[in-house]
Amino acid sequence: MTTERPRIPTTADERETLRGFLDFHRATLAKKCDGLSDEELRRQSMPPSTLSLLGLVRHMAEVERNWFRRVLGGEDIPLVWSDSFDFQAAYDAREATRAEAFAAWQAEVEHARRIEAAAESLDVTVHAERWGQDVSLRTVMLHMILEYGRHNGHADFLREGVDGTVGV
C-alpha cells in the first residue's frame, strides 16, 4: 500500500487551506505506516511507553471522534478503546491489527469530513461541556492540524526505529 499525500493549496481561502493541511497531515500518518506488518506497526518506542505507530493511528481515531463527533456534532458516544474516557488507552496497541485500527481511524476521518463540510462556516461555534467554553470549527481544525503535526513527529522516530526509513 502506498499512500499519496494531497497537495496543500497555496492560494485557497482559509477553509480550503485548513482542510488541505489537515488532509495532508492525515495522509502523512498513513504514509508513515505504509509497507509495515502488524508486528512492525505494534513495535513500541521504549519502556515504559506503549507508543507505537499503530497506537498513534488508534489515538488519532479517538481524537477525530472526540472533536468532530462528540464536540462539534454533539453526539453522546464513548471513545472507541476506552469506556472511561481515557485517551491513553488507544496507545496500547499490543493486541491490535492494522485492519482494526485503520478501519476505525478512516471511519472517524470520514465522519469528521462530513461534519466539517456540513458546517456553514468556520465560525460555527458549539459549547464544549468538558472545558466549559465555546469552541469554533476553526479552532477544532487548527487543533487537529497541530495534533497531527505533533504525532507525525513521533511517527518519524517510530518509523526510523522500525526499519531505518526517514522522511516521507
Protein backbone atom coordinates (compact mmCIF):
# COMPACT_ATOMS: atom_id res chain seq x y z
CA MET A 1 0.00 0.00 0.00
CA THR A 2 1.35 3.42 -0.95
CA THR A 3 -0.35 6.49 0.44
CA GLU A 4 -0.43 9.58 -1.72
CA ARG A 5 -0.46 12.89 0.10
CA PRO A 6 -2.63 15.68 -1.29
CA ARG A 7 -1.05 18.94 -2.29
CA ILE A 8 -1.67 21.73 0.16
CA PRO A 9 -3.43 24.62 -1.57
CA THR A 10 -1.23 27.70 -1.59
CA THR A 11 -3.74 30.30 -2.78
CA ALA A 12 -7.05 28.99 -1.41
CA ASP A 13 -9.37 30.59 1.10
CA GLU A 14 -8.97 29.90 4.80
CA ARG A 15 -11.29 26.90 4.94
CA GLU A 16 -9.77 25.14 1.95
CA THR A 17 -6.29 25.83 3.34
CA LEU A 18 -7.17 24.35 6.74
CA ARG A 19 -8.84 21.37 5.07
CA GLY A 20 -5.78 20.89 2.86
CA PHE A 21 -3.31 20.98 5.77
CA LEU A 22 -5.46 18.60 7.82
CA ASP A 23 -5.75 16.10 4.95
CA PHE A 24 -2.02 16.40 4.28
CA HIS A 25 -1.26 15.51 7.90
CA ARG A 26 -3.77 12.65 7.91
CA ALA A 27 -2.09 11.22 4.83
CA THR A 28 1.34 11.70 6.40
CA LEU A 29 0.39 9.46 9.32
CA ALA A 30 -0.88 6.79 6.93
CA LYS A 31 2.26 7.12 4.81
CA LYS A 32 4.45 6.53 7.88
CA CYS A 33 2.72 3.15 8.26
CA ASP A 34 2.96 2.08 4.60
CA GLY A 35 4.61 -1.26 3.96
CA LEU A 36 4.85 -2.38 7.58
CA SER A 37 3.48 -5.58 9.07
CA ASP A 38 1.15 -5.62 12.06
CA GLU A 39 4.10 -6.65 14.22
CA GLU A 40 6.21 -3.74 12.99
CA LEU A 41 3.31 -1.31 13.48
CA ARG A 42 2.96 -2.53 17.08
CA ARG A 43 6.67 -2.08 17.87
CA GLN A 44 6.94 0.15 20.93
CA SER A 45 9.30 3.08 21.25
CA MET A 46 10.94 2.43 24.61
CA PRO A 47 9.87 1.21 28.04
CA PRO A 48 7.72 2.10 29.82
CA SER A 49 5.97 3.80 26.89
CA THR A 50 3.47 1.77 24.89
CA LEU A 51 3.74 4.25 22.00
CA SER A 52 3.77 2.65 18.55
CA LEU A 53 2.72 3.62 15.03
CA LEU A 54 -0.45 1.57 15.42
CA GLY A 55 -1.08 3.24 18.77
CA LEU A 56 -0.81 6.64 17.10
CA VAL A 57 -3.39 5.62 14.47
CA ARG A 58 -5.73 4.43 17.21
CA HIS A 59 -5.16 7.60 19.24
CA MET A 60 -5.93 9.81 16.25
CA ALA A 61 -9.16 7.87 15.67
CA GLU A 62 -10.14 8.82 19.22
CA VAL A 63 -9.13 12.46 18.70
CA GLU A 64 -11.07 12.74 15.43
CA ARG A 65 -14.09 11.09 17.10
CA ASN A 66 -13.95 13.39 20.11
CA TRP A 67 -13.51 16.74 18.38
CA PHE A 68 -15.75 16.25 15.39
CA ARG A 69 -18.47 13.86 16.56
CA ARG A 70 -18.64 14.50 20.30
CA VAL A 71 -17.79 18.22 20.46
CA LEU A 72 -18.90 19.66 17.11
CA GLY A 73 -21.57 17.07 16.34
CA GLY A 74 -22.92 16.81 19.87
CA GLU A 75 -23.02 13.01 19.72
CA ASP A 76 -23.16 11.23 23.06
CA ILE A 77 -20.83 8.37 22.15
CA PRO A 78 -18.00 6.67 24.03
CA LEU A 79 -14.42 6.51 22.89
CA VAL A 80 -13.53 3.55 20.70
CA TRP A 81 -10.99 1.92 23.02
CA SER A 82 -11.94 3.25 26.45
CA ASP A 83 -15.12 3.20 28.47
CA SER A 84 -13.59 5.65 30.97
CA PHE A 85 -12.73 8.44 28.52
CA ASP A 86 -9.02 7.58 28.72
CA PHE A 87 -7.34 8.77 25.51
CA GLN A 88 -4.13 6.99 26.57
CA ALA A 89 -5.78 3.57 26.26
CA ALA A 90 -5.63 3.80 22.47
CA TYR A 91 -1.84 3.97 22.56
CA ASP A 92 -1.63 0.41 23.88
CA ALA A 93 -1.85 -1.46 20.59
CA ARG A 94 -0.11 -4.67 21.67
CA GLU A 95 -3.09 -6.77 20.56
CA ALA A 96 -4.25 -4.50 17.71
CA THR A 97 -4.14 -5.10 13.98
CA ARG A 98 -3.67 -2.73 11.08
CA ALA A 99 -7.11 -3.69 9.75
CA GLU A 100 -8.89 -2.88 13.02
CA ALA A 101 -7.02 0.35 13.76
CA PHE A 102 -7.14 1.76 10.24
CA ALA A 103 -10.83 0.87 9.79
CA ALA A 104 -11.70 2.79 12.96
CA TRP A 105 -9.45 5.74 12.07
CA GLN A 106 -10.69 6.00 8.48
CA ALA A 107 -14.32 5.80 9.64
CA GLU A 108 -13.73 8.66 12.07
CA VAL A 109 -11.96 10.73 9.41
CA GLU A 110 -14.95 10.26 7.10
CA HIS A 111 -17.34 11.34 9.88
CA ALA A 112 -15.13 14.37 10.52
CA ARG A 113 -15.10 15.34 6.85
CA ARG A 114 -18.89 15.15 6.66
CA ILE A 115 -19.33 17.25 9.79
CA GLU A 116 -16.85 19.85 8.59
CA ALA A 117 -18.38 20.01 5.09
CA ALA A 118 -21.89 20.42 6.51
CA ALA A 119 -20.90 23.34 8.75
CA GLU A 120 -21.99 26.70 7.41
CA SER A 121 -18.67 28.35 8.14
CA LEU A 122 -15.51 28.15 10.24
CA ASP A 123 -17.30 30.43 12.70
CA VAL A 124 -19.80 27.71 13.68
CA THR A 125 -19.46 27.53 17.44
CA VAL A 126 -20.59 24.95 19.98
CA HIS A 127 -20.29 24.76 23.74
CA ALA A 128 -17.65 22.22 24.82
CA GLU A 129 -19.05 20.97 28.10
CA ARG A 130 -15.79 19.26 29.09
CA TRP A 131 -13.94 22.59 29.12
CA GLY A 132 -16.88 24.80 29.95
CA GLN A 133 -16.31 27.10 26.99
CA ASP A 134 -17.35 27.67 23.40
CA VAL A 135 -15.24 26.35 20.54
CA SER A 136 -15.43 27.09 16.82
CA LEU A 137 -14.90 24.81 13.85
CA ARG A 138 -11.86 26.96 13.01
CA THR A 139 -10.32 26.20 16.41
CA VAL A 140 -11.05 22.49 16.08
CA MET A 141 -9.45 22.31 12.65
CA LEU A 142 -6.36 24.19 13.86
CA HIS A 143 -6.16 21.95 16.91
CA MET A 144 -6.35 18.85 14.71
CA ILE A 145 -3.57 20.13 12.43
CA LEU A 146 -1.37 20.72 15.48
CA GLU A 147 -2.29 17.34 16.97
CA TYR A 148 -1.37 15.52 13.78
CA GLY A 149 1.81 17.58 13.40
CA ARG A 150 2.96 16.64 16.89
CA HIS A 151 2.15 12.96 16.45
CA ASN A 152 3.62 12.82 12.96
CA GLY A 153 6.87 13.91 14.58
CA HIS A 154 6.56 10.91 16.89
CA ALA A 155 5.79 8.76 13.84
CA ASP A 156 9.05 9.92 12.20
CA PHE A 157 11.07 8.50 15.07
CA LEU A 158 8.96 5.36 15.41
CA ARG A 159 9.29 4.53 11.71
CA GLU A 160 13.01 5.13 11.75
CA GLY A 161 13.27 2.77 14.73
CA VAL A 162 11.37 0.04 12.88
CA ASP A 163 13.25 -0.07 9.59
CA GLY A 164 15.52 2.96 9.29
CA THR A 165 13.16 4.88 6.96
CA VAL A 166 13.37 8.63 7.40
CA GLY A 167 11.27 11.37 5.81
CA VAL A 168 8.13 10.60 3.87
